Structures are given as C-alpha cells and as structure tokens.
Amino acid sequence: MTDLFDIARFVEASYDIKVLQIAKLTNKTYKLATANQEFLLKFASGDDRFLMKQLYVHKELPDVVLPIYETSNKTRKAEYEEGFAYLTDYVKQSPMPFESRVRDYGRLLNELHLATAVSVDKNDDEISWMYAADYGILEENFKILEQMVNHYEMKLSRSPFEWQVLMMYPIIYGMFRRSDESMKKFYRLLARKKQHLVSINHGDVNVANLLPGSKNNHLINFENSYFDLPTNDMLKFLRHYHQASSTTRTIADYLKEQKDQLLVHHFFMKSTCIDLLTLKKQLSGNALIDISLFNEQLAAGLVAMRLYDEFFEVKKPVKKPQSKKAAEET
C-alpha cells in the first residue's frame, strides 16, 4: 500500500471514519485528519501482542501512553496483506534538548515500571537456577580478566591497549567485587521473600521513543515491550546514555524511589559486571580500535560503580576540629 488514496479507503473501511486529509510521515506511518481529530496510522508485521501491553499501560498511564483505537469489528488491529495496521493519536512534536529528553525519558520509564508492577512468586528451584546463571556470568568475566592480566604481565613488549588493561585492572576488579556483593544481597533477600516485582519493560530503550508534546510527553513504540524485572530497562538506559550529564542523577532518583530493595541490588549486580566476554570476541588486534571498545564497555560500569558507592559505602566520620587550647596542649 503506497497510494495515499488506497490507504485512506482502507482506513475508512476498517474504522468507520471519514478521512479528509492524509500525509505520509515514514514508510510505515501516516498522519490522518478527520473533521475533528488527527490520527496516526502505523503499519506493522509479526507479533501483535504488544498491542495489548500498550493498551494495558494506557489504562494505567493515559497521559503518558497513547491509546489504540478499536476497528469497526471490535479488534485493535486492521489486517492488511501480510501484516496489520493500528490507529492511535497524532501528537505534534515540540522541540526538546537532548539532556532534557534523557532526563524525561528516564522519569517516564520509572512511571511505566511503577504503574505496571506486580509480584511474582519464585520457588527454591527457580531461585537456584537464576543464581547459577548470574554467578556463571560473573565468574566467566572474572576469569577472562585474570587471563588477560596474566598474559599481558608476561609480555616484554605491550601494546597501548594491553597497558590500559593492566592499569585499569584494580578498577575492574573493584567493579566485579561490587557485583558479587550485590548478587549476594539480591539472592539472600530473594531466598527469604520468595518473590520479586516485574513490570512492563519498554524494551526499545531509546530517547527517540520519547514523544514530546505541547501538553505531555509520551512513551511510544511498545513493539519490544515485555514483562520482567524493571531494572532491565534502566541497565539499557545506563549503557546507551552514560555519557549524558543527567544520566547519573536520573538513575539515582530512579533507584531511590524503588520500595523493593531487590531491584536496587539487581541493578548493581548487573551494571557493575562489565561484559568482557563480548569484548574479547570483538578485539581486532588494532590497539586504537580495541581501546575504544574497551572504554565503551568500561564507561557505563564506572558510572554504576560511583552510584554504588553513593548508595552503600560507609562514610568515614568527620573529626571535629580541636579547640585552640587543646591544640596548644597537644
């Protein structure tokens, strides 16, 4: 369907509305206008279960998530060729600086997670399986770190990349130690509670999926949404936007609002375990490229480590200054 007239007739037949104007926005999206409302028509293919997730979130957060309108036969999608289309509101975008987008997107993710949170039970076997998987990831990454360091230490001539790995070893080791501590806290608490929260994760974590309107900002594109621990979204948020100045405070505010400490421990367990397994597969032998890949893996972990210390490190007591008389006696 590329002809605008055909698309307009398709919409009128599917939704019992009279299309007065139609404009192509992208290959898959069209702006429609009736006598008293503007709509956005989106074409999709594959799994359509995200429609029900978006409807569920819209019910909980009507000012944040756009509706999906019923067709004339009381469904939420209009079949066409090998795919389907759905109709939602058209929102005219307002200009928004990047840093503001990052901050507001993180805030809306928090609203999404809080509004859709439900508790799921976990039995001992499930908890044991989860722990084995997470511990295996941490153990494998630690082994890779030790292998790299031992190998590079034995070399008489080292590349700039190898020197950097050796210099950053204490910091990476500190990250893994924090990941291990968070893992212990997470699984001890989970073993006691036998349940944890899951929420709808946006899935496609991208500030482009924040639609800034004149009245409200909206979350769009739920095609990759799923139910799981909500901190999965924030882990992607950290990895994608660790360079933004507002990211650290946005994540800190998010974590402080979590009533379930399991989520805080889960975030730090995952975020401070940098993925050396993937890095090892990506290494090219070109020192500059390898340093760039290494820094990209390291950067998000450094932000997470600073956040961890802000949350959990015991602050040293501040000594009161001595009086002048006491100082003289000393």
Protein backbone atom coordinates (compact mmCIF):
# COMPACT_ATOMS: atom_id res chain seq x y z
CA MET A 1 0.00 0.00 0.00
CA THR A 2 1.80 3.07 -1.27
CA ASP A 3 -1.05 5.05 -2.79
CA LEU A 4 -2.47 7.59 -0.31
CA PHE A 5 -5.96 7.26 -1.74
CA ASP A 6 -5.91 3.47 -1.20
CA ILE A 7 -4.68 3.89 2.37
CA ALA A 8 -7.43 6.41 3.11
CA ARG A 9 -10.08 4.00 1.78
CA PHE A 10 -8.52 1.16 3.80
CA VAL A 11 -8.79 3.26 6.99
CA GLU A 12 -12.37 4.30 6.28
CA ALA A 13 -13.40 0.69 5.72
CA SER A 14 -11.58 -0.52 8.83
CA TYR A 15 -12.55 2.20 11.30
CA ASP A 16 -15.80 3.77 10.04
CA ILE A 17 -14.27 7.25 9.90
CA LYS A 18 -14.14 9.81 7.10
CA VAL A 19 -10.57 10.74 6.16
CA LEU A 20 -10.31 14.33 4.96
CA GLN A 21 -6.52 14.56 4.74
CA ILE A 22 -3.66 12.06 4.70
CA ALA A 23 0.10 12.58 4.66
CA LYS A 24 2.97 10.11 4.61
CA LEU A 25 5.42 10.56 7.51
CA THR A 26 7.60 7.45 7.06
CA ASN A 27 7.29 4.19 5.12
CA LYS A 28 5.20 2.80 7.97
CA THR A 29 3.42 5.80 9.45
CA TYR A 30 0.75 8.15 8.10
CA LYS A 31 -0.94 11.20 9.52
CA LEU A 32 -4.73 11.26 9.08
CA ALA A 33 -7.20 14.06 9.69
CA THR A 34 -10.96 13.80 10.14
CA ALA A 35 -13.38 16.66 10.73
CA ASN A 36 -12.49 16.91 14.42
CA GLN A 37 -9.40 14.77 15.17
CA GLU A 38 -5.93 13.87 13.92
CA PHE A 39 -4.73 10.26 13.98
CA LEU A 40 -1.51 8.35 13.37
CA LEU A 41 -1.76 5.15 11.35
CA LYS A 42 1.09 2.68 11.87
CA PHE A 43 1.77 -0.44 9.81
CA ALA A 44 3.47 -3.41 11.47
CA SER A 45 4.17 -7.08 10.95
CA GLY A 46 4.95 -10.12 13.08
CA ASP A 47 3.92 -10.44 16.73
CA ASP A 48 0.96 -8.22 17.66
CA ARG A 49 0.93 -8.95 21.41
CA PHE A 50 2.48 -5.57 22.12
CA LEU A 51 -0.88 -4.01 21.31
CA MET A 52 -2.39 -5.49 24.46
CA LYS A 53 0.61 -4.33 26.51
CA GLN A 54 0.28 -0.79 25.17
CA LEU A 55 -3.45 -0.81 25.92
CA TYR A 56 -2.75 -2.05 29.45
CA VAL A 57 -0.21 0.69 30.05
CA HIS A 58 -2.50 3.31 28.52
CA LYS A 59 -5.19 2.32 31.02
CA GLU A 60 -2.72 2.90 33.88
CA LEU A 61 -0.98 5.96 32.38
CA PRO A 62 -3.39 7.63 29.94
CA ASP A 63 -1.38 10.87 29.89
CA VAL A 64 1.87 9.08 29.08
CA VAL A 65 0.95 6.28 26.66
CA LEU A 66 -1.22 6.79 23.59
CA PRO A 67 -4.43 4.76 23.03
CA ILE A 68 -5.03 2.18 20.31
CA TYR A 69 -8.46 2.59 18.75
CA GLU A 70 -10.91 -0.19 18.02
CA THR A 71 -11.64 -1.17 14.45
CA SER A 72 -15.20 -1.46 13.17
CA ASN A 73 -15.16 -5.19 14.01
CA LYS A 74 -14.08 -4.52 17.64
CA THR A 75 -10.43 -5.54 17.34
CA ARG A 76 -7.35 -3.38 17.85
CA LYS A 77 -5.68 -4.11 14.54
CA ALA A 78 -6.71 -3.90 10.92
CA GLU A 79 -5.41 -6.79 8.83
CA TYR A 80 -3.70 -5.97 5.54
CA GLU A 81 -1.65 -8.13 3.17
CA GLU A 82 0.87 -10.00 5.39
CA GLY A 83 0.76 -7.57 8.29
CA PHE A 84 -1.57 -5.25 10.15
CA ALA A 85 -2.17 -1.60 10.96
CA TYR A 86 -3.31 0.17 14.10
CA LEU A 87 -4.63 3.63 14.79
CA THR A 88 -3.54 5.94 17.58
CA ASP A 89 -3.46 9.68 18.32
CA TYR A 90 -1.25 12.01 16.34
CA VAL A 91 0.88 14.25 18.56
CA LYS A 92 2.68 17.24 17.15
CA GLN A 93 6.23 17.19 18.49
CA SER A 94 7.71 20.09 20.41
CA PRO A 95 11.46 20.89 20.35
CA MET A 96 13.35 19.35 23.27
CA PRO A 97 17.11 19.44 24.11
CA PHE A 98 18.91 16.11 24.28
CA GLU A 99 19.69 16.30 28.02
CA SER A 100 16.03 17.08 28.77
CA ARG A 101 14.99 14.11 26.64
CA VAL A 102 17.31 11.80 28.58
CA ARG A 103 16.02 13.05 31.93
CA ASP A 104 12.33 12.91 30.97
CA TYR A 105 12.67 9.52 29.29
CA GLY A 106 14.17 8.08 32.49
CA ARG A 107 11.35 9.64 34.52
CA LEU A 108 8.68 8.15 32.24
CA LEU A 109 10.33 4.72 32.42
CA ASN A 110 10.01 4.96 36.20
CA GLU A 111 6.31 5.86 35.89
CA LEU A 112 5.82 2.94 33.50
CA HIS A 113 7.51 0.48 35.87
CA LEU A 114 5.68 1.67 38.99
CA ALA A 115 2.27 1.67 37.29
CA THR A 116 2.58 -1.87 35.91
CA ALA A 117 4.44 -3.57 38.78
CA VAL A 118 3.18 -6.95 40.01
CA SER A 119 4.76 -9.53 42.32
CA VAL A 120 5.70 -12.97 41.03
CA ASP A 121 6.49 -15.94 43.24
CA LYS A 122 9.76 -17.83 42.94
CA ASN A 123 10.36 -21.30 44.36
CA ASP A 124 13.75 -22.59 45.53
CA ASP A 125 14.50 -24.37 42.25
CA GLU A 126 13.84 -21.22 40.22
CA ILE A 127 16.00 -19.14 42.54
CA SER A 128 18.83 -21.69 42.31
CA TRP A 129 18.66 -21.63 38.52
CA MET A 130 18.71 -17.81 38.44
CA TYR A 131 21.69 -17.70 40.83
CA ALA A 132 23.66 -20.28 38.83
CA ALA A 133 23.15 -18.28 35.64
CA ASP A 134 24.14 -14.93 37.18
CA TYR A 135 27.09 -16.36 39.10
CA GLY A 136 28.29 -18.11 35.94
CA ILE A 137 28.35 -14.82 34.04
CA LEU A 138 30.32 -13.06 36.77
CA GLU A 139 32.73 -15.98 37.15
CA GLU A 140 33.37 -16.15 33.39
CA ASN A 141 34.08 -12.43 33.15
CA PHE A 142 36.43 -12.58 36.14
CA LYS A 143 38.32 -15.49 34.56
CA ILE A 144 38.72 -13.51 31.34
CA LEU A 145 40.07 -10.53 33.30
CA GLU A 146 42.60 -12.72 35.12
CA GLN A 147 43.68 -14.40 31.88
CA MET A 148 44.19 -11.07 30.13
CA VAL A 149 46.18 -9.60 33.01
CA ASN A 150 48.35 -12.69 33.49
CA HIS A 151 49.08 -12.84 29.76
CA TYR A 152 49.89 -9.14 29.40
CA GLU A 153 52.10 -9.10 32.51
CA MET A 154 54.34 -11.77 30.99
CA LYS A 155 54.92 -9.83 27.78
CA LEU A 156 58.14 -7.84 27.37
CA SER A 157 56.57 -5.51 24.82
CA ARG A 158 52.99 -4.38 25.33
CA SER A 159 50.56 -2.52 23.09
CA PRO A 160 48.77 0.62 24.37
CA PHE A 161 45.63 -1.48 24.77
CA GLU A 162 47.44 -4.06 26.91
CA TRP A 163 48.93 -1.30 29.06
CA GLN A 164 45.47 0.16 29.58
CA VAL A 165 44.02 -3.17 30.67
CA LEU A 166 46.81 -3.57 33.22
CA MET A 167 46.32 -0.04 34.54
CA MET A 168 42.54 -0.47 34.82
CA TYR A 169 42.74 -3.93 36.43
CA PRO A 170 42.23 -2.68 40.04
CA ILE A 171 39.18 -0.67 38.99
CA ILE A 172 37.61 -3.55 37.04
CA TYR A 173 38.32 -5.88 39.93
CA GLY A 174 36.52 -3.39 42.18
CA MET A 175 33.53 -3.44 39.85
CA PHE A 176 33.36 -7.23 39.98
CA ARG A 177 33.63 -7.13 43.78
CA ARG A 178 30.62 -4.78 43.91
CA SER A 179 28.73 -7.04 41.51
CA ASP A 180 29.46 -10.03 43.74
CA GLU A 181 28.31 -8.16 46.88
CA SER A 182 25.11 -7.06 45.16
CA MET A 183 24.48 -10.60 43.95
CA LYS A 184 24.78 -11.96 47.50
CA LYS A 185 22.35 -9.31 48.80
CA PHE A 186 19.91 -9.91 45.96
CA TYR A 187 19.75 -13.69 46.35
CA ARG A 188 19.73 -13.69 50.14
CA LEU A 189 16.76 -11.34 50.09
CA LEU A 190 15.05 -13.25 47.28
CA ALA A 191 15.52 -16.56 49.12
CA ARG A 192 13.79 -15.02 52.12
CA LYS A 193 10.96 -13.27 50.29
CA LYS A 194 10.35 -15.91 47.61
CA GLN A 195 9.02 -13.21 45.24
CA HIS A 196 10.10 -10.17 43.28
CA LEU A 197 8.50 -7.42 41.23
CA VAL A 198 8.11 -7.49 37.47
CA SER A 199 6.87 -4.64 35.30
CA ILE A 200 6.40 -3.91 31.65
CA ASN A 201 9.82 -3.04 30.28
CA HIS A 202 9.76 -0.64 27.36
CA GLY A 203 12.38 -2.83 25.71
CA ASP A 204 13.43 -0.47 22.93
CA VAL A 205 15.28 1.95 25.21
CA ASN A 206 15.88 4.99 23.05
CA VAL A 207 15.17 8.66 23.70
CA ALA A 208 13.73 8.77 20.18
CA ASN A 209 10.82 6.85 21.70
CA LEU A 210 10.01 9.85 23.86
CA LEU A 211 7.43 11.95 22.03
CA PRO A 212 7.42 15.49 23.45
CA GLY A 213 4.02 17.11 23.03
CA SER A 214 2.72 20.57 23.82
CA LYS A 215 0.95 19.31 26.97
CA ASN A 216 2.50 15.94 27.88
CA ASN A 217 5.47 13.81 26.91
CA HIS A 218 4.62 10.31 25.72
CA LEU A 219 6.27 6.90 25.52
CA ILE A 220 5.82 5.35 22.08
CA ASN A 221 6.82 2.15 20.25
CA PHE A 222 5.97 -0.79 22.51
CA GLU A 223 6.81 -3.40 19.87
CA ASN A 224 9.68 -4.79 22.01
CA SER A 225 7.99 -4.47 25.40
CA TYR A 226 7.95 -7.41 27.82
CA PHE A 227 7.31 -8.31 31.48
CA ASP A 228 10.43 -8.77 33.61
CA LEU A 229 12.45 -7.12 36.36
CA PRO A 230 12.05 -3.40 35.56
CA THR A 231 15.73 -2.66 36.14
CA ASN A 232 16.45 -4.28 32.76
CA ASP A 233 15.24 -1.07 31.13
CA MET A 234 17.49 1.02 33.37
CA LEU A 235 20.51 -1.14 32.56
CA LYS A 236 19.98 -0.40 28.87
CA PHE A 237 19.38 3.26 29.73
CA LEU A 238 22.76 3.38 31.50
CA ARG A 239 24.63 1.66 28.66
CA HIS A 240 23.11 3.88 25.98
CA TYR A 241 23.30 7.24 27.77
CA HIS A 242 26.12 7.01 30.33
CA GLN A 243 27.77 9.97 28.57
CA ALA A 244 24.83 12.31 29.25
CA SER A 245 25.33 14.62 32.22
CA SER A 246 21.81 13.95 33.53
CA THR A 247 22.07 10.14 33.46
CA THR A 248 23.72 9.59 36.85
CA ARG A 249 21.18 11.71 38.72
CA THR A 250 18.27 10.25 36.74
CA ILE A 251 19.26 6.69 37.67
CA ALA A 252 19.98 7.67 41.27
CA ASP A 253 16.49 9.19 41.59
CA TYR A 254 15.01 6.08 39.99
CA LEU A 255 16.71 3.75 42.44
CA LYS A 256 15.80 5.87 45.46
CA GLU A 257 12.12 5.60 44.52
CA GLN A 258 12.17 1.80 44.49
CA LYS A 259 10.44 0.42 47.56
CA ASP A 260 11.75 -3.08 46.87
CA GLN A 261 15.49 -3.26 47.65
CA LEU A 262 15.73 -6.33 45.43
CA LEU A 263 15.54 -4.04 42.42
CA VAL A 264 18.39 -1.88 43.67
CA HIS A 265 20.60 -4.93 44.27
CA HIS A 266 19.66 -6.37 40.86
CA PHE A 267 20.63 -3.15 39.10
CA PHE A 268 24.07 -3.01 40.72
CA MET A 269 24.65 -6.75 40.30
CA LYS A 270 24.21 -6.38 36.54
CA SER A 271 25.61 -2.89 35.93
CA THR A 272 28.96 -3.43 37.69
CA CYS A 273 29.66 -6.69 35.85
CA ILE A 274 31.12 -5.39 32.60
CA ASP A 275 30.92 -7.74 29.62
CA LEU A 276 34.50 -8.83 28.96
CA LEU A 277 33.27 -11.94 27.14
CA THR A 278 31.77 -9.79 24.38
CA LEU A 279 34.83 -7.52 24.42
CA LYS A 280 37.16 -10.49 23.95
CA LYS A 281 35.19 -11.57 20.85
CA GLN A 282 35.31 -8.03 19.43
CA LEU A 283 39.07 -7.43 19.85
CA SER A 284 40.66 -6.79 16.46
CA GLY A 285 44.37 -6.50 17.26
CA ASN A 286 44.28 -2.82 16.33
CA ALA A 287 45.25 -1.01 19.54
CA LEU A 288 43.18 2.12 18.89
CA ILE A 289 40.04 0.19 17.97
CA ASP A 290 40.49 -2.16 20.93
CA ILE A 291 40.97 0.77 23.34
CA SER A 292 37.77 2.33 22.01
CA LEU A 293 35.84 -0.93 22.53
CA PHE A 294 37.35 -1.34 25.98
CA ASN A 295 36.44 2.21 27.02
CA GLU A 296 32.88 1.74 25.80
CA GLN A 297 32.48 -1.34 27.99
CA LEU A 298 34.16 0.40 30.91
CA ALA A 299 32.32 3.73 30.84
CA ALA A 300 28.88 2.52 31.94
CA GLY A 301 30.49 0.36 34.65
CA LEU A 302 32.34 3.37 36.05
CA VAL A 303 29.08 5.31 36.35
CA ALA A 304 27.46 2.31 38.05
CA MET A 305 30.38 1.97 40.46
CA ARG A 306 30.08 5.62 41.51
CA LEU A 307 26.35 5.15 42.05
CA TYR A 308 27.03 2.00 44.09
CA ASP A 309 29.42 3.89 46.35
CA GLU A 310 26.88 6.66 46.78
CA PHE A 311 24.27 4.14 47.90
CA PHE A 312 26.26 1.70 50.04
CA GLU A 313 29.69 2.93 51.02
CA VAL A 314 30.06 3.68 54.76
CA LYS A 315 31.18 7.25 55.11
CA LYS A 316 34.08 7.95 57.43
CA PRO A 317 33.14 10.05 60.47
CA VAL A 318 34.29 13.62 60.26
CA LYS A 319 36.57 14.61 63.16
CA LYS A 320 35.62 17.75 64.99
CA PRO A 321 38.36 20.42 64.91
CA GLN A 322 40.26 20.81 68.16
CA SER A 323 39.87 23.93 70.23
CA LYS A 324 42.78 26.33 70.29
CA LYS A 325 43.57 25.39 73.89
CA ALA A 326 43.50 21.65 73.18
CA ALA A 327 45.71 22.16 70.15
CA GLU A 328 48.26 24.05 72.24
CA GLU A 329 48.28 21.32 74.89
CA THR A 330 48.90 18.75 72.20
